Amino acid sequence: MTAASKAKAKAAGAAAPAIDGLSRDLLHDIERLAIELAGIAGAEIAKAMGGLLAVKYKTAVKEDEWRDPVSEVDDKVERLMRERLAEHFPDHDIIGEEMKERPSRDSDFIWSVDPIDGTANFVNGFPLFSASIGVLYKGAPVVGALWCPISHALRAGVYHCTRGGKVRFDGADVTPKVNPAVRRRLVGVPVATVSDGFWETRKTGSAALECAMVAAGLMQAARFATPNIWDVAGGLALIFAGGGIARRRQGDDWVPMEKFVPTKETPDLRYWKCELIVGEPSAVERMCEAQKAA
């Protein structure tokens, strides 16, 4: 394209090339709102940390076995997210952890939001959790924005991306640096052990946070036993943008996963659950082989 034609196209307001049938301008508008929502969540979380929170539990297995805590902040943050989404994208659907309302089930766009992934850590004041926003288009993660209280930059901030773009942290490119002197990298696992073959294992208590750590290069891979869609939708967008891959368990096999697909057992994506391995391609393949042999 000549300089004259470029100028003419710019003057005419020509759109940037589309990604998966979506204009880059639309994706960037969605990403900007996702970053805003993640920032709102982070501000509310930071304000509440250290205080006496109202906490309830979704599950009581026995009288003294309480599971799945929900804080007053979870409910408040999801409500704020839904209000902002209704203002900007009223025709988009929402799957949130705390509220079951679905404003537009026929939409190709689904915002999968988790106000605080790792609530048990949060209510105990343990700073390993994340506010996660993932935007799906026809089931495929196209935008991710995760507010994390920790990061590769040693501060709180938002990891974010659009499909076809780079992983960024508060607007700055994230370029993982791998030290060749480190022979045993870290991986996230459902149950941490002293070691696991080629890696040192860690369990943070937040699938979303571990996805962000994988995308930033702090972990090489992570395996999740029974994640919900809101736990990993935003994180998968980050991992894909960073050149990573995902595999889901299907019977005894591990098959590629690029999108969330309804099944006969779970036609509503709200109830999607599937064991996943995510991360650098070579590490994911090695973990899949290890799980087959286990």
Protein backbone atom coordinates (compact mmCIF):
# COMPACT_ATOMS: atom_id res chain seq x y z
CA MET A 1 0.00 0.00 0.00
CA THR A 2 1.38 3.39 -0.98
CA ALA A 3 1.65 6.33 1.39
CA ALA A 4 -1.21 8.03 -0.44
CA SER A 5 -3.48 4.99 -0.18
CA LYS A 6 -2.62 4.57 3.51
CA ALA A 7 -3.57 8.17 4.15
CA LYS A 8 -6.80 7.72 2.20
CA ALA A 9 -7.69 4.60 4.17
CA LYS A 10 -6.97 6.34 7.46
CA ALA A 11 -9.06 9.32 6.45
CA ALA A 12 -11.93 7.01 5.50
CA GLY A 13 -11.75 5.32 8.89
CA ALA A 14 -10.77 1.92 7.50
CA ALA A 15 -10.98 -0.82 10.14
CA ALA A 16 -7.98 -2.86 11.18
CA PRO A 17 -7.83 -6.47 9.93
CA ALA A 18 -10.33 -8.77 11.62
CA ILE A 19 -9.43 -11.60 14.00
CA ASP A 20 -11.72 -14.64 13.83
CA GLY A 21 -14.30 -12.44 12.15
CA LEU A 22 -14.06 -9.77 14.86
CA SER A 23 -12.64 -6.32 14.25
CA ARG A 24 -9.59 -5.37 16.28
CA ASP A 25 -11.37 -2.19 17.29
CA LEU A 26 -14.19 -4.18 18.88
CA LEU A 27 -11.74 -6.50 20.63
CA HIS A 28 -9.80 -3.54 22.00
CA ASP A 29 -13.03 -1.93 23.24
CA ILE A 30 -13.89 -5.18 25.01
CA GLU A 31 -10.37 -5.45 26.43
CA ARG A 32 -10.49 -1.87 27.77
CA LEU A 33 -13.71 -2.62 29.63
CA ALA A 34 -12.35 -5.93 30.92
CA ILE A 35 -9.27 -4.11 32.28
CA GLU A 36 -11.53 -1.53 33.90
CA LEU A 37 -13.64 -4.23 35.55
CA ALA A 38 -10.55 -6.05 36.80
CA GLY A 39 -9.28 -2.76 38.25
CA ILE A 40 -12.60 -2.11 39.97
CA ALA A 41 -12.43 -5.58 41.51
CA GLY A 42 -8.85 -5.01 42.63
CA ALA A 43 -9.73 -1.71 44.30
CA GLU A 44 -12.59 -3.29 46.24
CA ILE A 45 -10.45 -6.26 47.24
CA ALA A 46 -7.57 -4.07 48.41
CA LYS A 47 -9.96 -1.87 50.39
CA ALA A 48 -11.43 -4.89 52.17
CA MET A 49 -8.17 -6.72 52.93
CA GLY A 50 -7.38 -6.76 56.62
CA GLY A 51 -10.94 -5.98 57.68
CA LEU A 52 -13.56 -8.19 59.29
CA LEU A 53 -15.51 -9.58 56.33
CA ALA A 54 -18.99 -11.07 56.30
CA VAL A 55 -18.46 -14.65 55.08
CA LYS A 56 -20.93 -17.39 54.21
CA TYR A 57 -20.38 -20.91 52.86
CA LYS A 58 -22.04 -22.57 49.89
CA THR A 59 -21.41 -26.09 51.17
CA ALA A 60 -21.42 -27.64 54.61
CA VAL A 61 -20.45 -31.31 54.27
CA LYS A 62 -20.71 -31.76 58.02
CA GLU A 63 -21.34 -29.33 60.81
CA ASP A 64 -17.62 -28.60 61.14
CA GLU A 65 -16.60 -29.00 57.45
CA TRP A 66 -17.25 -25.73 55.66
CA ARG A 67 -16.42 -25.37 51.97
CA ASP A 68 -16.68 -22.80 49.18
CA PRO A 69 -16.65 -19.54 51.14
CA VAL A 70 -18.22 -16.39 49.69
CA SER A 71 -17.42 -12.96 51.08
CA GLU A 72 -19.42 -9.77 50.90
CA VAL A 73 -16.77 -8.53 48.44
CA ASP A 74 -17.50 -11.35 45.95
CA ASP A 75 -21.15 -10.33 45.72
CA LYS A 76 -20.44 -6.59 45.57
CA VAL A 77 -17.80 -6.90 42.87
CA GLU A 78 -19.90 -9.14 40.62
CA ARG A 79 -22.82 -6.75 40.96
CA LEU A 80 -20.59 -3.83 39.92
CA MET A 81 -19.26 -5.83 36.96
CA ARG A 82 -22.75 -6.68 35.76
CA GLU A 83 -23.88 -3.05 36.00
CA ARG A 84 -20.95 -1.83 33.89
CA LEU A 85 -21.45 -4.59 31.33
CA ALA A 86 -25.13 -3.72 30.99
CA GLU A 87 -24.13 -0.14 30.19
CA HIS A 88 -21.53 -0.98 27.53
CA PHE A 89 -22.51 -4.37 26.04
CA PRO A 90 -26.15 -5.03 26.96
CA ASP A 91 -26.46 -7.72 24.27
CA HIS A 92 -23.58 -9.81 25.67
CA ASP A 93 -24.18 -12.76 27.96
CA ILE A 94 -22.61 -13.20 31.42
CA ILE A 95 -21.65 -16.29 33.39
CA GLY A 96 -20.67 -15.25 36.89
CA GLU A 97 -19.75 -17.40 39.84
CA GLU A 98 -22.00 -15.73 42.39
CA MET A 99 -25.13 -14.84 40.37
CA LYS A 100 -27.04 -17.09 37.97
CA GLU A 101 -28.73 -14.39 35.87
CA ARG A 102 -28.00 -14.77 32.15
CA PRO A 103 -28.95 -11.55 30.29
CA SER A 104 -28.49 -12.83 26.70
CA ARG A 105 -28.19 -16.58 26.27
CA ASP A 106 -28.27 -16.33 22.43
CA SER A 107 -25.26 -14.01 22.25
CA ASP A 108 -22.02 -15.14 20.63
CA PHE A 109 -20.21 -13.22 23.39
CA ILE A 110 -20.04 -14.53 26.94
CA TRP A 111 -18.27 -12.69 29.77
CA SER A 112 -17.13 -15.27 32.31
CA VAL A 113 -16.36 -13.45 35.56
CA ASP A 114 -15.04 -14.51 38.93
CA PRO A 115 -14.88 -11.62 41.41
CA ILE A 116 -12.35 -13.47 43.56
CA ASP A 117 -10.88 -16.80 42.50
CA GLY A 118 -9.26 -18.13 45.65
CA THR A 119 -11.81 -16.81 48.13
CA ALA A 120 -10.59 -19.15 50.89
CA ASN A 121 -7.19 -17.47 50.63
CA PHE A 122 -8.76 -14.01 50.53
CA VAL A 123 -10.94 -14.38 53.62
CA ASN A 124 -7.90 -15.65 55.52
CA GLY A 125 -5.80 -12.69 54.39
CA PHE A 126 -3.47 -14.91 52.35
CA PRO A 127 -2.63 -12.87 49.21
CA LEU A 128 -2.86 -15.58 46.56
CA PHE A 129 -6.06 -15.01 44.56
CA SER A 130 -7.28 -13.18 41.48
CA ALA A 131 -10.22 -11.25 40.06
CA SER A 132 -10.78 -12.85 36.66
CA ILE A 133 -12.60 -11.68 33.54
CA GLY A 134 -12.62 -13.83 30.42
CA VAL A 135 -14.56 -12.98 27.27
CA LEU A 136 -15.56 -15.83 24.97
CA TYR A 137 -16.63 -15.53 21.34
CA LYS A 138 -18.46 -18.64 20.18
CA GLY A 139 -16.78 -20.43 23.06
CA ALA A 140 -13.21 -19.32 22.27
CA PRO A 141 -11.36 -17.06 24.75
CA VAL A 142 -10.66 -13.78 22.95
CA VAL A 143 -10.02 -11.36 25.84
CA GLY A 144 -8.63 -11.87 29.32
CA ALA A 145 -8.06 -9.48 32.23
CA LEU A 146 -6.90 -10.74 35.62
CA TRP A 147 -6.17 -8.49 38.59
CA CYS A 148 -3.56 -10.15 40.81
CA PRO A 149 -2.18 -8.95 44.15
CA ILE A 150 1.22 -10.40 43.18
CA SER A 151 3.05 -10.43 39.85
CA HIS A 152 6.38 -10.80 38.09
CA ALA A 153 6.77 -7.07 38.78
CA LEU A 154 6.40 -7.62 42.57
CA ARG A 155 3.25 -5.50 42.77
CA ALA A 156 -0.49 -5.73 42.21
CA GLY A 157 -1.84 -5.10 38.73
CA VAL A 158 -3.82 -6.43 35.77
CA TYR A 159 -2.58 -9.02 33.30
CA HIS A 160 -4.53 -8.60 30.08
CA CYS A 161 -4.64 -9.52 26.38
CA THR A 162 -6.73 -9.80 23.25
CA ARG A 163 -6.62 -12.74 20.86
CA GLY A 164 -3.84 -12.20 18.37
CA GLY A 165 -2.09 -9.74 20.69
CA LYS A 166 0.52 -9.94 23.41
CA VAL A 167 0.23 -10.59 27.13
CA ARG A 168 0.52 -7.27 28.96
CA PHE A 169 0.68 -6.16 32.57
CA ASP A 170 -0.87 -2.75 33.17
CA GLY A 171 -0.20 -1.95 29.52
CA ALA A 172 3.43 -3.07 29.40
CA ASP A 173 4.52 -6.11 27.38
CA VAL A 174 5.25 -9.22 29.43
CA THR A 175 8.38 -10.92 28.14
CA PRO A 176 9.20 -13.95 30.32
CA LYS A 177 12.88 -14.42 31.05
CA VAL A 178 13.93 -18.02 31.61
CA ASN A 179 17.17 -18.49 33.53
CA PRO A 180 19.04 -21.45 31.96
CA ALA A 181 20.77 -22.04 35.30
CA VAL A 182 17.40 -23.07 36.80
CA ARG A 183 17.12 -26.78 35.99
CA ARG A 184 13.81 -27.47 37.74
CA ARG A 185 10.97 -25.11 36.87
CA LEU A 186 7.70 -24.68 38.78
CA VAL A 187 4.32 -26.15 37.89
CA GLY A 188 0.95 -25.81 39.58
CA VAL A 189 -0.85 -29.01 40.58
CA PRO A 190 -4.09 -29.89 42.41
CA VAL A 191 -2.16 -31.57 45.23
CA ALA A 192 1.39 -30.38 45.86
CA THR A 193 4.11 -32.94 46.45
CA VAL A 194 7.77 -32.52 47.34
CA SER A 195 8.64 -32.92 43.67
CA ASP A 196 7.04 -34.28 40.52
CA GLY A 197 9.53 -35.69 38.06
CA PHE A 198 11.02 -32.78 36.16
CA TRP A 199 9.47 -29.99 38.27
CA GLU A 200 8.98 -28.46 41.67
CA THR A 201 5.24 -28.42 42.36
CA ARG A 202 3.12 -25.70 43.89
CA LYS A 203 -0.55 -25.31 44.86
CA THR A 204 -1.72 -21.71 45.25
CA GLY A 205 -5.45 -22.27 45.74
CA SER A 206 -6.37 -20.14 42.70
CA ALA A 207 -6.56 -21.52 39.16
CA ALA A 208 -6.87 -17.99 37.73
CA LEU A 209 -3.73 -16.83 39.52
CA GLU A 210 -1.78 -19.87 38.34
CA CYS A 211 -2.86 -19.19 34.74
CA ALA A 212 -1.50 -15.65 35.08
CA MET A 213 1.75 -16.97 36.54
CA VAL A 214 2.08 -19.41 33.63
CA ALA A 215 1.42 -16.64 31.08
CA ALA A 216 4.05 -14.46 32.79
CA GLY A 217 6.61 -17.27 32.72
CA LEU A 218 6.79 -17.74 36.50
CA MET A 219 5.37 -21.26 36.17
CA GLN A 220 5.98 -23.57 33.25
CA ALA A 221 2.60 -25.30 33.39
CA ALA A 222 -0.37 -26.01 35.64
CA ARG A 223 -2.89 -28.81 36.04
CA PHE A 224 -6.41 -28.26 37.37
CA ALA A 225 -8.61 -31.12 38.54
CA THR A 226 -12.15 -29.65 38.37
CA PRO A 227 -12.03 -25.99 37.35
CA ASN A 228 -15.19 -24.03 36.61
CA ILE A 229 -15.44 -21.96 33.45
CA TRP A 230 -15.04 -18.70 35.42
CA ASP A 231 -11.85 -20.02 37.03
CA VAL A 232 -9.97 -20.41 33.75
CA ALA A 233 -11.68 -18.49 30.91
CA GLY A 234 -9.63 -15.33 31.40
CA GLY A 235 -6.48 -17.28 32.19
CA LEU A 236 -6.74 -19.36 29.01
CA ALA A 237 -6.89 -16.16 26.94
CA LEU A 238 -3.62 -15.06 28.57
CA ILE A 239 -1.95 -18.44 28.06
CA PHE A 240 -2.94 -18.61 24.39
CA ALA A 241 -1.72 -15.04 23.83
CA GLY A 242 1.59 -16.02 25.39
CA GLY A 243 2.08 -18.96 23.02
CA GLY A 244 0.90 -21.63 25.46
CA ILE A 245 -1.54 -24.46 24.87
CA ALA A 246 -4.24 -26.32 26.78
CA ARG A 247 -5.21 -29.98 26.94
CA ARG A 248 -8.38 -31.36 28.54
CA ARG A 249 -8.98 -34.85 29.80
CA GLN A 250 -11.29 -36.95 27.68
CA GLY A 251 -11.53 -40.40 29.18
CA ASP A 252 -7.96 -41.70 29.34
CA ASP A 253 -6.72 -39.23 26.74
CA TRP A 254 -5.68 -35.58 26.79
CA VAL A 255 -7.05 -33.71 23.78
CA PRO A 256 -6.39 -30.15 22.53
CA MET A 257 -8.68 -27.49 23.92
CA GLU A 258 -9.16 -24.19 22.11
CA LYS A 259 -12.71 -23.33 23.14
CA PHE A 260 -15.44 -24.18 25.65
CA VAL A 261 -17.98 -26.50 24.03
CA PRO A 262 -21.35 -27.55 25.49
CA THR A 263 -21.96 -31.28 25.78
CA LYS A 264 -25.00 -33.50 26.31
CA GLU A 265 -24.04 -33.76 29.96
CA THR A 266 -23.47 -29.99 30.34
CA PRO A 267 -25.41 -28.11 27.62
CA ASP A 268 -25.19 -24.95 29.75
CA LEU A 269 -21.58 -23.70 29.90
CA ARG A 270 -22.23 -22.43 33.40
CA TYR A 271 -21.83 -26.01 34.58
CA TRP A 272 -18.74 -26.78 32.49
CA LYS A 273 -16.03 -28.65 34.40
CA CYS A 274 -13.09 -30.49 32.92
CA GLU A 275 -9.61 -31.48 34.06
CA LEU A 276 -7.08 -29.25 32.30
CA ILE A 277 -3.34 -28.93 31.75
CA VAL A 278 -2.08 -25.57 30.48
CA GLY A 279 1.30 -24.03 29.80
CA GLU A 280 4.36 -24.17 27.57
CA PRO A 281 3.75 -26.77 24.82
CA SER A 282 6.63 -29.10 25.76
CA ALA A 283 5.72 -29.00 29.46
CA VAL A 284 2.03 -29.65 28.74
CA GLU A 285 2.84 -32.66 26.58
CA ARG A 286 5.18 -34.03 29.26
CA MET A 287 2.53 -33.58 31.97
CA CYS A 288 -0.08 -35.30 29.81
CA GLU A 289 2.22 -38.29 29.31
CA ALA A 290 2.93 -38.41 33.05
CA GLN A 291 -0.80 -38.43 33.84
CA LYS A 292 -1.41 -41.27 31.36
CA ALA A 293 1.29 -43.32 33.05
CA ALA A 294 0.06 -42.55 36.57
